[in-house]
């Protein structure tokens, strides 16, 4: 089964302010869909617990989220892998940043 998570949002802050907080586990726990717990054992690596699925079929997963590439104020690429009661998750993700105001 393949799952695609897509979306966008606006944050009223300067690019530097966003970059300073984006890798903080507390912030990440609020923006990662299904995230129930997250810890950072190493730079660019996070241990994560998630609930994924649709309401009738949900599973608890534990795994690792890694930052593979980052270009400040532009983009972040990463991977996620884990195991849960309903099987395995293995995927990649990308975040693109776009300036939407005159805020510096």
N, C-alpha and C. Protein backbone atom coordinates (compact mmCIF):
# COMPACT_ATOMS: atom_id res chain seq x y z
N UNK A 1 0.84 -1.18 0.00
CA UNK A 1 0.00 0.00 0.00
C UNK A 1 0.88 1.23 0.00
N UNK A 2 0.52 2.21 -0.77
CA UNK A 2 1.26 3.45 -0.85
C UNK A 2 0.43 4.55 -0.22
N UNK A 3 1.09 5.43 0.55
CA UNK A 3 0.40 6.55 1.17
C UNK A 3 1.15 7.82 0.80
N UNK A 4 0.41 8.84 0.41
CA UNK A 4 1.02 10.12 0.08
C UNK A 4 0.47 11.16 1.03
N UNK A 5 1.37 11.90 1.66
CA UNK A 5 0.99 12.99 2.55
C UNK A 5 1.46 14.26 1.86
N UNK A 6 0.55 15.20 1.69
CA UNK A 6 0.87 16.41 0.96
C UNK A 6 0.20 17.58 1.66
N UNK A 7 0.81 18.72 1.58
CA UNK A 7 0.19 19.90 2.16
C UNK A 7 1.13 21.08 2.13
N UNK A 8 0.59 22.19 2.53
CA UNK A 8 1.40 23.39 2.62
C UNK A 8 0.85 24.26 3.72
N UNK A 9 1.67 25.15 4.20
CA UNK A 9 1.24 26.05 5.25
C UNK A 9 2.10 27.30 5.25
N UNK A 10 1.61 28.31 5.92
CA UNK A 10 2.34 29.56 6.02
C UNK A 10 2.71 29.81 7.47
N UNK A 11 3.92 30.26 7.68
CA UNK A 11 4.40 30.61 9.01
C UNK A 11 4.86 32.05 8.94
N UNK A 12 4.32 32.89 9.81
CA UNK A 12 4.70 34.30 9.81
C UNK A 12 5.96 34.47 10.63
N UNK A 13 7.09 34.34 9.96
CA UNK A 13 8.40 34.47 10.60
C UNK A 13 9.44 34.66 9.51
N UNK A 14 10.60 35.11 9.91
CA UNK A 14 11.68 35.27 8.94
C UNK A 14 12.25 33.90 8.58
N UNK A 15 12.91 33.79 7.42
CA UNK A 15 13.54 32.51 7.07
C UNK A 15 14.49 32.01 8.16
N UNK A 16 15.24 32.88 8.77
CA UNK A 16 16.18 32.48 9.83
C UNK A 16 15.44 31.93 11.04
N UNK A 17 14.34 32.59 11.43
CA UNK A 17 13.55 32.12 12.57
C UNK A 17 13.00 30.71 12.31
N UNK A 18 12.52 30.48 11.10
CA UNK A 18 11.98 29.17 10.74
C UNK A 18 13.09 28.13 10.75
N UNK A 19 14.22 28.44 10.14
CA UNK A 19 15.33 27.48 10.07
C UNK A 19 15.82 27.13 11.47
N UNK A 20 15.79 28.09 12.40
CA UNK A 20 16.25 27.83 13.77
C UNK A 20 15.37 26.84 14.51
N UNK A 21 14.09 26.75 14.16
CA UNK A 21 13.16 25.89 14.91
C UNK A 21 12.78 24.60 14.17
N UNK A 22 12.97 24.55 12.87
CA UNK A 22 12.43 23.45 12.06
C UNK A 22 12.96 22.07 12.48
N UNK A 23 14.16 21.99 13.04
CA UNK A 23 14.74 20.70 13.41
C UNK A 23 14.55 20.37 14.90
N UNK A 24 13.81 21.21 15.61
CA UNK A 24 13.53 20.98 17.03
C UNK A 24 12.47 19.89 17.18
N UNK A 25 12.76 18.83 17.96
CA UNK A 25 11.78 17.74 18.10
C UNK A 25 10.40 18.19 18.55
N UNK A 26 10.31 19.18 19.41
CA UNK A 26 9.00 19.66 19.87
C UNK A 26 8.21 20.24 18.70
N UNK A 27 8.86 21.04 17.87
CA UNK A 27 8.19 21.60 16.70
C UNK A 27 7.82 20.48 15.73
N UNK A 28 8.77 19.57 15.46
CA UNK A 28 8.52 18.48 14.51
C UNK A 28 7.32 17.64 14.93
N UNK A 29 7.17 17.41 16.24
CA UNK A 29 6.06 16.58 16.73
C UNK A 29 4.70 17.20 16.40
N UNK A 30 4.68 18.51 16.21
CA UNK A 30 3.42 19.20 15.90
C UNK A 30 3.10 19.23 14.41
N UNK A 31 4.10 19.03 13.55
CA UNK A 31 3.85 19.16 12.12
C UNK A 31 3.95 17.84 11.35
N UNK A 32 4.45 16.78 11.97
CA UNK A 32 4.51 15.47 11.31
C UNK A 32 3.19 14.75 11.54
N UNK A 33 2.47 14.40 10.48
CA UNK A 33 1.18 13.72 10.64
C UNK A 33 1.32 12.42 11.44
N UNK A 34 0.46 12.25 12.45
CA UNK A 34 0.44 11.03 13.22
C UNK A 34 1.53 10.88 14.26
N UNK A 35 2.39 11.89 14.42
CA UNK A 35 3.51 11.80 15.36
C UNK A 35 3.00 11.79 16.80
N UNK A 36 3.42 10.79 17.56
CA UNK A 36 3.04 10.68 18.96
C UNK A 36 4.21 10.93 19.90
N UNK A 37 5.44 10.69 19.42
CA UNK A 37 6.63 10.90 20.24
C UNK A 37 7.83 11.01 19.31
N UNK A 38 8.78 11.87 19.68
CA UNK A 38 9.98 12.03 18.86
C UNK A 38 11.15 12.40 19.77
N UNK A 39 12.30 11.84 19.49
CA UNK A 39 13.53 12.13 20.22
C UNK A 39 14.67 12.24 19.22
N UNK A 40 15.70 13.00 19.58
CA UNK A 40 16.83 13.20 18.67
C UNK A 40 18.11 12.62 19.27
N UNK A 41 18.45 11.36 18.91
CA UNK A 41 19.66 10.75 19.45
C UNK A 41 20.95 11.22 18.80
N UNK A 42 20.87 11.82 17.60
CA UNK A 42 22.06 12.28 16.87
C UNK A 42 21.66 13.41 15.93
N UNK A 43 22.66 14.17 15.47
CA UNK A 43 22.38 15.20 14.49
C UNK A 43 21.71 14.59 13.27
N UNK A 44 20.67 15.24 12.79
CA UNK A 44 19.95 14.83 11.58
C UNK A 44 19.33 13.43 11.67
N UNK A 45 19.08 12.94 12.89
CA UNK A 45 18.42 11.64 13.06
C UNK A 45 17.45 11.74 14.23
N UNK A 46 16.25 11.21 14.02
CA UNK A 46 15.19 11.29 15.01
C UNK A 46 14.53 9.92 15.16
N UNK A 47 14.29 9.49 16.38
CA UNK A 47 13.51 8.29 16.65
C UNK A 47 12.07 8.77 16.83
N UNK A 48 11.16 8.11 16.11
CA UNK A 48 9.79 8.61 16.04
C UNK A 48 8.79 7.49 16.27
N UNK A 49 7.69 7.82 16.93
CA UNK A 49 6.55 6.91 17.09
C UNK A 49 5.35 7.61 16.46
N UNK A 50 4.65 6.86 15.59
CA UNK A 50 3.55 7.43 14.83
C UNK A 50 2.35 6.50 14.82
N UNK A 51 1.18 7.09 14.56
CA UNK A 51 -0.02 6.33 14.27
C UNK A 51 -0.38 6.69 12.83
N UNK A 52 -0.41 5.69 11.96
CA UNK A 52 -0.70 5.91 10.54
C UNK A 52 -1.86 5.04 10.09
N UNK A 53 -2.56 5.50 9.08
CA UNK A 53 -3.64 4.73 8.48
C UNK A 53 -4.90 5.56 8.38
N UNK A 54 -5.98 4.88 8.07
CA UNK A 54 -7.29 5.50 8.05
C UNK A 54 -8.01 5.05 9.32
N UNK A 55 -9.05 5.75 9.76
CA UNK A 55 -9.67 5.43 11.05
C UNK A 55 -10.00 3.96 11.27
N UNK A 56 -10.48 3.25 10.26
CA UNK A 56 -10.85 1.84 10.44
C UNK A 56 -9.63 0.93 10.52
N UNK A 57 -8.52 1.34 9.93
CA UNK A 57 -7.30 0.52 9.91
C UNK A 57 -6.12 1.41 10.25
N UNK A 58 -5.78 1.47 11.52
CA UNK A 58 -4.64 2.27 11.95
C UNK A 58 -3.61 1.38 12.60
N UNK A 59 -2.36 1.81 12.51
CA UNK A 59 -1.29 1.06 13.13
C UNK A 59 -0.31 1.97 13.84
N UNK A 60 0.29 1.45 14.89
CA UNK A 60 1.34 2.15 15.61
C UNK A 60 2.68 1.74 15.03
N UNK A 61 3.53 2.70 14.74
CA UNK A 61 4.83 2.45 14.14
C UNK A 61 5.93 3.12 14.93
N UNK A 62 7.08 2.49 14.99
CA UNK A 62 8.28 3.07 15.58
C UNK A 62 9.36 3.00 14.51
N UNK A 63 10.11 4.08 14.38
CA UNK A 63 11.14 4.07 13.35
C UNK A 63 12.09 5.23 13.46
N UNK A 64 12.76 5.49 12.35
CA UNK A 64 13.78 6.53 12.29
C UNK A 64 13.51 7.48 11.14
N UNK A 65 13.56 8.75 11.44
CA UNK A 65 13.45 9.80 10.44
C UNK A 65 14.85 10.42 10.31
N UNK A 66 15.35 10.50 9.09
CA UNK A 66 16.69 11.05 8.86
C UNK A 66 16.63 12.24 7.91
N UNK A 67 17.46 13.23 8.19
CA UNK A 67 17.66 14.36 7.29
C UNK A 67 18.81 13.96 6.37
N UNK A 68 18.55 13.85 5.08
CA UNK A 68 19.57 13.42 4.13
C UNK A 68 20.28 14.59 3.46
N UNK A 69 19.55 15.66 3.24
CA UNK A 69 20.11 16.83 2.55
C UNK A 69 19.35 18.06 3.02
N UNK A 70 20.09 19.13 3.26
CA UNK A 70 19.42 20.38 3.62
C UNK A 70 20.17 21.56 3.03
N UNK A 71 19.40 22.46 2.47
CA UNK A 71 19.90 23.68 1.89
C UNK A 71 19.16 24.81 2.60
N UNK A 72 19.84 25.51 3.53
CA UNK A 72 19.15 26.50 4.36
C UNK A 72 18.25 27.45 3.57
N UNK A 73 17.05 27.62 4.11
CA UNK A 73 16.01 28.52 3.60
C UNK A 73 15.45 28.08 2.25
N UNK A 74 15.81 26.90 1.75
CA UNK A 74 15.35 26.45 0.44
C UNK A 74 14.63 25.11 0.50
N UNK A 75 15.32 24.05 0.97
CA UNK A 75 14.69 22.72 0.97
C UNK A 75 15.36 21.80 1.97
N UNK A 76 14.61 20.72 2.31
CA UNK A 76 15.11 19.63 3.15
C UNK A 76 14.61 18.33 2.53
N UNK A 77 15.48 17.35 2.39
CA UNK A 77 15.10 16.01 1.93
C UNK A 77 15.42 15.02 3.04
N UNK A 78 14.57 14.02 3.19
CA UNK A 78 14.80 13.04 4.23
C UNK A 78 14.20 11.69 3.91
N UNK A 79 14.42 10.78 4.84
CA UNK A 79 13.85 9.44 4.72
C UNK A 79 13.21 9.06 6.04
N UNK A 80 12.31 8.09 5.96
CA UNK A 80 11.67 7.54 7.15
C UNK A 80 11.52 6.04 6.95
N UNK A 81 11.82 5.30 8.00
CA UNK A 81 11.64 3.85 7.95
C UNK A 81 11.20 3.40 9.34
N UNK A 82 10.38 2.37 9.36
CA UNK A 82 9.89 1.89 10.64
C UNK A 82 9.13 0.60 10.51
N UNK A 83 8.71 0.10 11.65
CA UNK A 83 8.00 -1.16 11.74
C UNK A 83 6.82 -0.99 12.69
N UNK A 84 5.72 -1.65 12.37
CA UNK A 84 4.55 -1.58 13.22
C UNK A 84 3.71 -2.83 13.09
N UNK A 85 2.62 -2.87 13.84
CA UNK A 85 1.74 -4.02 13.86
C UNK A 85 1.13 -4.36 12.51
N UNK A 86 0.99 -3.37 11.64
CA UNK A 86 0.40 -3.60 10.32
C UNK A 86 1.44 -3.72 9.22
N UNK A 87 2.72 -3.73 9.58
CA UNK A 87 3.76 -3.88 8.56
C UNK A 87 4.88 -2.88 8.69
N UNK A 88 5.48 -2.59 7.56
CA UNK A 88 6.68 -1.77 7.49
C UNK A 88 6.38 -0.45 6.77
N UNK A 89 7.03 0.63 7.21
CA UNK A 89 6.99 1.88 6.47
C UNK A 89 8.40 2.18 5.98
N UNK A 90 8.48 2.70 4.79
CA UNK A 90 9.77 3.02 4.18
C UNK A 90 9.49 4.08 3.13
N UNK A 91 10.06 5.26 3.31
CA UNK A 91 9.77 6.29 2.34
C UNK A 91 10.73 7.45 2.40
N UNK A 92 10.49 8.40 1.52
CA UNK A 92 11.26 9.63 1.47
C UNK A 92 10.30 10.80 1.56
N UNK A 93 10.84 11.93 1.88
CA UNK A 93 10.02 13.14 1.97
C UNK A 93 10.86 14.35 1.59
N UNK A 94 10.17 15.41 1.25
CA UNK A 94 10.82 16.64 0.85
C UNK A 94 10.02 17.84 1.34
N UNK A 95 10.71 18.85 1.81
CA UNK A 95 10.08 20.12 2.18
C UNK A 95 10.71 21.21 1.33
N UNK A 96 9.89 22.04 0.74
CA UNK A 96 10.36 23.19 -0.02
C UNK A 96 9.91 24.45 0.72
N UNK A 97 10.78 25.42 0.79
CA UNK A 97 10.46 26.68 1.45
C UNK A 97 10.32 27.77 0.39
N UNK A 98 9.34 28.61 0.58
CA UNK A 98 9.08 29.70 -0.36
C UNK A 98 8.77 30.95 0.42
N UNK A 99 9.45 32.01 0.11
CA UNK A 99 9.20 33.28 0.77
C UNK A 99 7.89 33.84 0.23
N UNK A 100 7.00 34.23 1.14
CA UNK A 100 5.70 34.71 0.70
C UNK A 100 5.41 36.15 1.13
N UNK A 101 6.39 36.80 1.76
CA UNK A 101 6.20 38.20 2.17
C UNK A 101 7.55 38.91 2.16
N UNK A 102 7.55 40.14 2.59
CA UNK A 102 8.79 40.92 2.63
C UNK A 102 9.56 40.72 3.94
N UNK A 103 9.13 39.79 4.77
CA UNK A 103 9.79 39.55 6.04
C UNK A 103 11.17 38.96 5.81
N UNK A 104 12.18 39.49 6.42
CA UNK A 104 13.56 39.00 6.29
C UNK A 104 13.99 38.37 7.58
